[in-house]
């Protein structure tokens, strides 16, 4: 699988299929890697959607078990990752794309919409992360143990104080809603959105539903959609219908011609 490099950032990525571009952001918090999609997610989006879309995914910068690396940008944690997402799209010559994100992909998608709403045609948020007032420190504490300790072991030049400051700016100082944008932003966002809620501590149902209610062009899936497992294909069908409905006309025509030729 190839790498995209920009200065001291090196991003490991993968492509599958052809058609209109679909950026897929794996779950797994700050340890999100491409392996999540095939092994730990509720379904494999590459397998499900590569027949119609040019699926693009990547290891998150500095994720344990991944091959992407870069500096710890303490003063702009969310934007550093968004730089990687947009930089990869630029590297591949892609201007407009759709995006699907699992878990931490939810806040990443909102930040992509804040930074580049003209480039994101439609977005699917699967079991998105959000802030729980009753567990205000969960992301800081979980990542200090589950991400920071491993990062320091791999990168001796990184200190625990730097990791703490990074996570504080990423989560503790933004301890509200979806971390990356305000409710007013979501209320004004015109991009088509599909949300598949979850309800575990890092994926609050209330925040997912509030986002769906606020965003003027949002849809929400059935809930629960992962249990029993027989419901998952129905949720995937909803995603497929949503993506097709929001494909640019030229891309949809091209897909139709390709299918007819086959």
Protein backbone atom coordinates (compact mmCIF):
# COMPACT_ATOMS: atom_id res chain seq x y z
CA UNK A 1 0.00 0.00 0.00
CA UNK A 2 1.31 3.48 -0.86
CA UNK A 3 2.38 6.45 1.24
CA UNK A 4 1.64 10.15 0.94
CA UNK A 5 4.33 12.46 2.31
CA UNK A 6 4.14 16.14 3.20
CA UNK A 7 7.14 17.56 5.03
CA UNK A 8 7.60 15.45 8.17
CA UNK A 9 4.16 13.82 7.82
CA UNK A 10 3.95 10.36 6.26
CA UNK A 11 0.50 8.84 5.67
CA UNK A 12 -0.09 5.19 4.83
CA UNK A 13 -3.22 4.79 2.72
CA UNK A 14 -5.16 2.32 0.60
CA UNK A 15 -7.49 2.56 -2.39
CA UNK A 16 -10.09 0.09 -3.64
CA UNK A 17 -12.64 0.24 -6.42
CA UNK A 18 -13.49 3.01 -8.86
CA UNK A 19 -16.12 5.67 -9.28
CA UNK A 20 -16.84 8.84 -7.32
CA UNK A 21 -14.37 9.20 -4.41
CA UNK A 22 -15.44 8.02 -0.96
CA UNK A 23 -13.03 8.82 1.90
CA UNK A 24 -13.46 6.26 4.69
CA UNK A 25 -12.15 7.20 8.15
CA UNK A 26 -11.63 4.15 10.39
CA UNK A 27 -12.72 3.98 14.01
CA UNK A 28 -10.57 3.14 16.99
CA UNK A 29 -9.96 6.58 18.46
CA UNK A 30 -6.42 7.90 18.11
CA UNK A 31 -5.33 4.34 17.30
CA UNK A 32 -7.55 4.23 14.21
CA UNK A 33 -5.97 2.15 11.46
CA UNK A 34 -7.15 0.55 8.25
CA UNK A 35 -7.27 -2.83 10.00
CA UNK A 36 -10.33 -1.60 11.92
CA UNK A 37 -12.42 -1.70 8.76
CA UNK A 38 -12.00 -5.39 8.07
CA UNK A 39 -11.63 -6.72 11.60
CA UNK A 40 -13.21 -4.55 14.28
CA UNK A 41 -15.93 -2.48 12.64
CA UNK A 42 -19.58 -3.48 12.40
CA UNK A 43 -19.16 -3.98 8.64
CA UNK A 44 -16.38 -3.64 6.08
CA UNK A 45 -17.07 -0.50 4.02
CA UNK A 46 -14.35 -1.28 1.46
CA UNK A 47 -15.98 -4.59 0.65
CA UNK A 48 -19.46 -3.06 0.62
CA UNK A 49 -18.80 0.03 -1.50
CA UNK A 50 -15.76 -0.54 -3.73
CA UNK A 51 -18.03 -1.86 -6.47
CA UNK A 52 -19.43 1.64 -7.03
CA UNK A 53 -16.98 4.09 -5.45
CA UNK A 54 -13.28 4.88 -5.38
CA UNK A 55 -12.78 4.06 -1.70
CA UNK A 56 -9.82 5.71 0.02
CA UNK A 57 -8.75 5.07 3.60
CA UNK A 58 -5.67 5.60 5.75
CA UNK A 59 -3.96 4.92 9.06
CA UNK A 60 -4.36 7.85 11.43
CA UNK A 61 -1.20 9.78 12.14
CA UNK A 62 0.73 8.16 15.03
CA UNK A 63 -1.82 5.38 15.60
CA UNK A 64 -0.49 2.33 17.40
CA UNK A 65 -0.33 -0.52 14.90
CA UNK A 66 -0.43 1.83 11.92
CA UNK A 67 2.26 3.11 9.59
CA UNK A 68 1.35 6.82 9.45
CA UNK A 69 3.51 9.25 11.39
CA UNK A 70 3.95 12.94 12.01
CA UNK A 71 4.53 15.58 14.68
CA UNK A 72 2.34 16.07 17.75
CA UNK A 73 0.73 19.42 16.97
CA UNK A 74 -0.30 20.44 20.45
CA UNK A 75 -1.93 23.75 19.52
CA UNK A 76 -4.09 22.35 16.70
CA UNK A 77 -4.81 18.67 17.32
CA UNK A 78 -8.00 18.26 15.29
CA UNK A 79 -6.80 20.46 12.44
CA UNK A 80 -3.57 18.48 12.14
CA UNK A 81 -5.54 15.34 11.35
CA UNK A 82 -7.82 17.26 8.98
CA UNK A 83 -4.70 18.48 7.20
CA UNK A 84 -3.84 14.81 6.62
CA UNK A 85 -7.30 14.00 5.24
CA UNK A 86 -7.39 16.98 2.89
CA UNK A 87 -3.73 16.60 1.98
CA UNK A 88 -4.29 13.00 0.89
CA UNK A 89 -7.23 14.07 -1.29
CA UNK A 90 -5.04 16.78 -2.84
CA UNK A 91 -2.24 14.26 -3.39
CA UNK A 92 -4.67 12.00 -5.27
CA UNK A 93 -5.96 14.90 -7.36
CA UNK A 94 -9.44 14.72 -5.82
CA UNK A 95 -11.39 17.92 -5.43
CA UNK A 96 -14.83 16.74 -4.30
CA UNK A 97 -15.63 13.57 -2.41
CA UNK A 98 -18.05 11.88 -0.06
CA UNK A 99 -16.91 10.76 3.37
CA UNK A 100 -17.83 8.01 5.83
CA UNK A 101 -16.38 7.98 9.32
CA UNK A 102 -16.58 5.57 12.25
CA UNK A 103 -16.23 6.60 15.91
CA UNK A 104 -13.64 9.41 15.96
CA UNK A 105 -14.52 9.86 12.29
CA UNK A 106 -17.62 11.74 13.45
CA UNK A 107 -15.72 14.73 14.90
CA UNK A 108 -13.27 14.52 11.99
CA UNK A 109 -16.14 14.80 9.51
CA UNK A 110 -17.57 17.86 11.23
CA UNK A 111 -14.12 19.44 11.08
CA UNK A 112 -13.84 18.59 7.39
CA UNK A 113 -17.19 20.30 6.84
CA UNK A 114 -15.99 23.33 8.80
CA UNK A 115 -12.76 23.55 6.83
CA UNK A 116 -13.87 22.43 3.35
CA UNK A 117 -17.64 22.27 3.02
CA UNK A 118 -17.37 22.97 -0.71
CA UNK A 119 -15.43 19.73 -1.17
CA UNK A 120 -17.56 17.32 0.88
CA UNK A 121 -20.60 16.28 -1.16
CA UNK A 122 -22.23 14.10 1.53
CA UNK A 123 -21.22 12.50 4.84
CA UNK A 124 -22.07 9.33 6.77
CA UNK A 125 -21.31 9.29 10.51
CA UNK A 126 -21.25 5.73 11.88
CA UNK A 127 -21.41 5.36 15.69
CA UNK A 128 -19.91 8.86 16.09
CA UNK A 129 -17.96 9.97 19.14
CA UNK A 130 -19.22 12.82 21.30
CA UNK A 131 -18.99 14.42 24.73
CA UNK A 132 -20.82 12.92 27.70
CA UNK A 133 -21.15 15.44 30.55
CA UNK A 134 -21.37 12.58 33.04
CA UNK A 135 -17.98 11.26 31.81
CA UNK A 136 -16.10 14.50 31.15
CA UNK A 137 -12.59 13.02 31.25
CA UNK A 138 -13.08 9.68 29.49
CA UNK A 139 -11.32 10.59 26.24
CA UNK A 140 -8.38 12.21 28.00
CA UNK A 141 -7.92 9.32 30.41
CA UNK A 142 -8.48 6.56 27.86
CA UNK A 143 -6.03 8.08 25.41
CA UNK A 144 -3.35 8.78 27.99
CA UNK A 145 -3.31 5.04 28.67
CA UNK A 146 -4.31 3.52 25.36
CA UNK A 147 -2.54 5.88 22.97
CA UNK A 148 -0.05 8.11 24.77
CA UNK A 149 1.85 5.39 26.61
CA UNK A 150 2.43 3.43 23.40
CA UNK A 151 3.41 6.55 21.47
CA UNK A 152 6.08 7.46 24.02
CA UNK A 153 7.46 3.92 23.86
CA UNK A 154 7.76 4.16 20.06
CA UNK A 155 8.87 7.79 19.92
CA UNK A 156 11.28 8.57 22.81
CA UNK A 157 11.47 12.23 21.73
CA UNK A 158 7.81 12.65 22.72
CA UNK A 159 7.18 13.35 26.40
CA UNK A 160 4.18 12.58 28.59
CA UNK A 161 3.74 16.31 29.18
CA UNK A 162 3.40 16.83 25.42
CA UNK A 163 0.85 14.02 25.17
CA UNK A 164 -1.11 15.48 28.07
CA UNK A 165 -1.14 18.95 26.52
CA UNK A 166 -2.19 17.52 23.15
CA UNK A 167 -5.10 15.57 24.65
CA UNK A 168 -6.13 18.49 26.83
CA UNK A 169 -6.44 20.73 23.78
CA UNK A 170 -8.14 18.00 21.79
CA UNK A 171 -10.72 16.95 24.33
CA UNK A 172 -10.74 18.66 27.73
CA UNK A 173 -10.78 22.25 26.45
CA UNK A 174 -13.44 21.30 23.87
CA UNK A 175 -15.56 19.22 26.23
CA UNK A 176 -18.91 19.79 24.58
CA UNK A 177 -21.10 18.27 21.89
CA UNK A 178 -18.93 16.86 19.01
CA UNK A 179 -15.66 18.58 20.02
CA UNK A 180 -14.84 20.15 16.65
CA UNK A 181 -17.84 22.39 15.85
CA UNK A 182 -20.65 24.17 17.64
CA UNK A 183 -24.35 23.52 17.54
CA UNK A 184 -24.76 26.72 15.55
CA UNK A 185 -22.42 25.33 12.90
CA UNK A 186 -24.40 22.09 12.65
CA UNK A 187 -27.64 24.04 12.50
CA UNK A 188 -26.34 26.01 9.50
CA UNK A 189 -24.70 23.06 7.70
CA UNK A 190 -26.41 22.34 4.38
CA UNK A 191 -24.42 19.19 3.51
CA UNK A 192 -26.48 15.98 3.35
CA UNK A 193 -25.73 13.92 6.46
CA UNK A 194 -26.62 10.35 7.47
CA UNK A 195 -26.06 9.36 11.10
CA UNK A 196 -26.02 5.80 12.47
CA UNK A 197 -26.16 6.26 16.27
CA UNK A 198 -24.59 4.07 18.89
CA UNK A 199 -24.90 4.17 22.69
CA UNK A 200 -21.70 3.21 24.48
CA UNK A 201 -19.68 5.64 26.65
CA UNK A 202 -17.57 7.14 23.81
CA UNK A 203 -20.51 7.15 21.34
CA UNK A 204 -23.40 8.91 23.07
CA UNK A 205 -26.81 8.36 21.51
CA UNK A 206 -28.02 11.75 22.72
CA UNK A 207 -25.28 13.66 20.86
CA UNK A 208 -25.81 11.67 17.67
CA UNK A 209 -29.54 12.36 17.74
CA UNK A 210 -29.05 16.02 18.62
CA UNK A 211 -26.77 16.38 15.59
CA UNK A 212 -29.37 14.72 13.39
CA UNK A 213 -32.11 16.99 14.68
CA UNK A 214 -30.04 20.15 14.23
CA UNK A 215 -28.57 19.55 10.77
CA UNK A 216 -31.20 20.65 8.21
CA UNK A 217 -30.33 17.96 5.64
CA UNK A 218 -29.71 15.08 8.03
CA UNK A 219 -31.13 11.58 8.10
CA UNK A 220 -30.83 9.00 10.86
CA UNK A 221 -30.82 5.20 10.57
CA UNK A 222 -32.92 2.76 12.53
CA UNK A 223 -31.73 2.19 16.09
CA UNK A 224 -30.42 -0.14 17.31
CA UNK A 225 -28.92 -1.18 13.99
CA UNK A 226 -26.05 -3.44 15.16
CA UNK A 227 -28.04 -5.71 17.48
CA UNK A 228 -29.25 -8.17 16.41
CA UNK A 229 -26.62 -8.56 13.70
CA UNK A 230 -29.34 -9.29 11.15
CA UNK A 231 -30.10 -5.56 11.15
CA UNK A 232 -26.66 -4.53 9.90
CA UNK A 233 -27.43 -5.25 6.21
CA UNK A 234 -30.47 -3.00 6.47
CA UNK A 235 -28.29 -0.15 7.81
CA UNK A 236 -25.77 -0.75 5.00
CA UNK A 237 -28.63 -0.62 2.51
CA UNK A 238 -29.63 2.77 3.94
CA UNK A 239 -26.06 4.02 3.50
CA UNK A 240 -25.96 2.76 -0.08
CA UNK A 241 -29.25 4.50 -0.92
CA UNK A 242 -28.08 7.72 0.73
CA UNK A 243 -24.76 7.77 -1.14
CA UNK A 244 -26.40 7.08 -4.49
CA UNK A 245 -28.94 9.83 -3.90
CA UNK A 246 -26.13 12.34 -3.31
CA UNK A 247 -23.67 11.35 -6.03
CA UNK A 248 -22.99 14.16 -8.49
CA UNK A 249 -24.97 13.56 -11.66
CA UNK A 250 -21.90 13.04 -13.85
CA UNK A 251 -20.53 10.37 -11.51
CA UNK A 252 -23.86 8.54 -11.37
CA UNK A 253 -24.09 8.57 -15.17
CA UNK A 254 -20.57 7.18 -15.46
CA UNK A 255 -21.40 4.35 -13.07
CA UNK A 256 -24.55 3.54 -15.01
CA UNK A 257 -22.62 3.37 -18.27
CA UNK A 258 -20.01 1.11 -16.69
CA UNK A 259 -22.65 -1.27 -15.34
CA UNK A 260 -24.45 -1.35 -18.68
CA UNK A 261 -21.18 -2.14 -20.47
CA UNK A 262 -20.53 -5.03 -18.11
